[in-house]
PDB file of N, CA and C in Angstrom:
ATOM      1  N   MET A   1       5.594  -4.279  12.666  1.00  0.00           N
ATOM      2  CA  MET A   1       4.267  -4.326  11.919  1.00  0.00           C
ATOM      3  C   MET A   1       3.240  -3.191  11.971  1.00  0.00           C
ATOM      4  N   SER A   2       3.154  -2.402  11.168  1.00  0.00           N
ATOM      5  CA  SER A   2       2.306  -1.421  11.322  1.00  0.00           C
ATOM      6  C   SER A   2       0.995  -1.603  10.590  1.00  0.00           C
ATOM      7  N   PRO A   3      -0.394  -1.390  11.205  1.00  0.00           N
ATOM      8  CA  PRO A   3      -1.494  -1.483  10.569  1.00  0.00           C
ATOM      9  C   PRO A   3      -1.794  -0.769   9.272  1.00  0.00           C
ATOM     10  N   VAL A   4      -1.254   0.325   9.285  1.00  0.00           N
ATOM     11  CA  VAL A   4      -1.203   1.297   8.099  1.00  0.00           C
ATOM     12  C   VAL A   4      -0.395   0.697   6.971  1.00  0.00           C
ATOM     13  N   SER A   5       0.592  -0.033   7.267  1.00  0.00           N
ATOM     14  CA  SER A   5       1.277  -0.676   6.034  1.00  0.00           C
ATOM     15  C   SER A   5       0.650  -1.714   5.579  1.00  0.00           C
ATOM     16  N   SER A   6      -0.223  -2.429   6.265  1.00  0.00           N
ATOM     17  CA  SER A   6      -1.235  -3.318   5.767  1.00  0.00           C
ATOM     18  C   SER A   6      -2.244  -3.009   4.766  1.00  0.00           C
ATOM     19  N   THR A   7      -2.699  -1.674   5.241  1.00  0.00           N
ATOM     20  CA  THR A   7      -3.831  -1.304   4.588  1.00  0.00           C
ATOM     21  C   THR A   7      -3.426  -0.521   3.170  1.00  0.00           C
ATOM     22  N   GLU A   8      -2.120   0.200   3.228  1.00  0.00           N
ATOM     23  CA  GLU A   8      -1.485   0.755   2.252  1.00  0.00           C
ATOM     24  C   GLU A   8      -1.265  -0.201   1.091  1.00  0.00           C
ATOM     25  N   ARG A   9      -0.869  -1.489   1.639  1.00  0.00           N
ATOM     26  CA  ARG A   9      -0.648  -2.454   0.428  1.00  0.00           C
ATOM     27  C   ARG A   9      -1.990  -2.685  -0.125  1.00  0.00           C
ATOM     28  N   THR A  10      -3.070  -2.993   0.419  1.00  0.00           N
ATOM     29  CA  THR A  10      -4.234  -3.338  -0.153  1.00  0.00           C
ATOM     30  C   THR A  10      -5.197  -2.068  -0.520  1.00  0.00           C
ATOM     31  N   SER A  11      -4.336  -1.012  -1.103  1.00  0.00           N
ATOM     32  CA  SER A  11      -5.272   0.233  -1.193  1.00  0.00           C
ATOM     33  C   SER A  11      -5.889   0.099  -2.657  1.00  0.00           C
ATOM     34  N   LYS A  12      -5.715  -1.179  -3.252  1.00  0.00           N
ATOM     35  CA  LYS A  12      -6.370  -1.498  -4.571  1.00  0.00           C
ATOM     36  C   LYS A  12      -7.876  -2.187  -4.089  1.00  0.00           C
ATOM     37  N   GLY A  13      -8.041  -2.618  -2.882  1.00  0.00           N
ATOM     38  CA  GLY A  13      -9.176  -3.117  -2.613  1.00  0.00           C
ATOM     39  C   GLY A  13      -9.999  -2.330  -1.755  1.00  0.00           C
ATOM     40  N   PRO A  14     -11.098  -2.983  -0.870  1.00  0.00           N
ATOM     41  CA  PRO A  14     -11.948  -2.181  -0.152  1.00  0.00           C
ATOM     42  C   PRO A  14     -11.298  -1.729   0.995  1.00  0.00           C
ATOM     43  N   ALA A  15      -9.824  -2.354   1.302  1.00  0.00           N
ATOM     44  CA  ALA A  15      -9.262  -1.591   2.464  1.00  0.00           C
ATOM     45  C   ALA A  15      -8.873  -0.205   2.227  1.00  0.00           C
ATOM     46  N   ALA A  16      -8.935   0.246   0.878  1.00  0.00           N
ATOM     47  CA  ALA A  16      -8.632   1.631   0.611  1.00  0.00           C
ATOM     48  C   ALA A  16      -9.281   2.595   1.403  1.00  0.00           C
ATOM     49  N   LYS A  17     -10.831   1.994   1.647  1.00  0.00           N
ATOM     50  CA  LYS A  17     -11.452   2.964   2.400  1.00  0.00           C
ATOM     51  C   LYS A  17     -11.160   3.262   3.910  1.00  0.00           C
ATOM     52  N   ILE A  18     -10.523   2.001   4.407  1.00  0.00           N
ATOM     53  CA  ILE A  18     -10.399   1.760   5.657  1.00  0.00           C
ATOM     54  C   ILE A  18      -8.835   2.627   5.871  1.00  0.00           C
ATOM     55  N   LYS A  19      -8.077   2.507   5.014  1.00  0.00           N
ATOM     56  CA  LYS A  19      -6.917   3.212   4.841  1.00  0.00           C
ATOM     57  C   LYS A  19      -7.098   4.688   4.894  1.00  0.00           C
ATOM     58  N   ASN A  20      -8.141   5.094   4.195  1.00  0.00           N
ATOM     59  CA  ASN A  20      -8.338   6.461   4.227  1.00  0.00           C
ATOM     60  C   ASN A  20      -8.728   6.925   5.704  1.00  0.00           C
ATOM     61  N   ILE A  21      -9.832   6.186   6.214  1.00  0.00           N
ATOM     62  CA  ILE A  21     -10.158   6.548   7.588  1.00  0.00           C
ATOM     63  C   ILE A  21      -8.917   6.398   8.513  1.00  0.00           C
ATOM     64  N   LYS A  22      -8.158   5.479   8.590  1.00  0.00           N
ATOM     65  CA  LYS A  22      -7.181   5.258   9.403  1.00  0.00           C
ATOM     66  C   LYS A  22      -6.271   6.379   9.190  1.00  0.00           C
ATOM     67  N   ILE A  23      -5.754   6.860   7.998  1.00  0.00           N
ATOM     68  CA  ILE A  23      -4.916   8.033   7.869  1.00  0.00           C
ATOM     69  C   ILE A  23      -5.553   9.399   8.433  1.00  0.00           C
ATOM     70  N   SER A  24      -6.871   9.555   8.337  1.00  0.00           N
ATOM     71  CA  SER A  24      -7.616  10.599   8.833  1.00  0.00           C
ATOM     72  C   SER A  24      -7.474  10.622  10.310  1.00  0.00           C
ATOM     73  N   PHE A  25      -7.503   9.469  10.884  1.00  0.00           N
ATOM     74  CA  PHE A  25      -7.360   9.397  12.345  1.00  0.00           C
ATOM     75  C   PHE A  25      -5.767   9.346  13.062  1.00  0.00           C
ATOM     76  N   SER A  26      -4.858   9.372  11.829  1.00  0.00           N
ATOM     77  CA  SER A  26      -3.516   9.037  12.163  1.00  0.00           C
ATOM     78  C   SER A  26      -2.942  10.167  12.062  1.00  0.00           C
ATOM     79  N   PRO A  27      -2.019  10.566  12.851  1.00  0.00           N
ATOM     80  CA  PRO A  27      -1.049  11.741  12.749  1.00  0.00           C
ATOM     81  C   PRO A  27      -0.225  11.701  11.510  1.00  0.00           C
ATOM     82  N   GLN A  28       0.021  10.630  10.952  1.00  0.00           N
ATOM     83  CA  GLN A  28       0.839  10.494   9.723  1.00  0.00           C
ATOM     84  C   GLN A  28      -0.251  10.754   8.350  1.00  0.00           C
ATOM     85  N   GLY A  29      -1.302  11.089   8.646  1.00  0.00           N
ATOM     86  CA  GLY A  29      -2.125  11.448   7.437  1.00  0.00           C
ATOM     87  C   GLY A  29      -1.584  12.722   6.774  1.00  0.00           C
ATOM     88  N   ASN A  30      -0.853  13.570   7.404  1.00  0.00           N
ATOM     89  CA  ASN A  30      -0.404  14.737   6.794  1.00  0.00           C
ATOM     90  C   ASN A  30       0.757  14.402   5.849  1.00  0.00           C
ATOM     91  N   ASN A  31       1.418  13.260   6.397  1.00  0.00           N
ATOM     92  CA  ASN A  31       2.718  12.968   5.860  1.00  0.00           C
ATOM     93  C   ASN A  31       2.533  11.726   4.643  1.00  0.00           C
ATOM     94  N   SER A  32       1.342  10.982   4.750  1.00  0.00           N
ATOM     95  CA  SER A  32       1.017  10.135   3.999  1.00  0.00           C
ATOM     96  C   SER A  32       0.493  10.749   2.517  1.00  0.00           C
ATOM     97  N   PRO A  33       1.012  10.522   1.313  1.00  0.00           N
ATOM     98  CA  PRO A  33       0.351  11.125   0.045  1.00  0.00           C
ATOM     99  C   PRO A  33      -1.052  10.366  -0.204  1.00  0.00           C
ATOM    100  N   ARG A  34      -2.063  11.220  -0.789  1.00  0.00           N
ATOM    101  CA  ARG A  34      -3.316  10.863  -1.290  1.00  0.00           C
ATOM    102  C   ARG A  34      -3.482  10.452  -2.542  1.00  0.00           C
TER     103      ARG A  34
END
């Protein structure tokens, strides 16, 4: 259960902001499509 998966699912809500921040601090940010 990855926290990124949860935020990616709610990318339509306010979690989108958190997702962007998490991706910024996450090494997978380069692999994640914006």
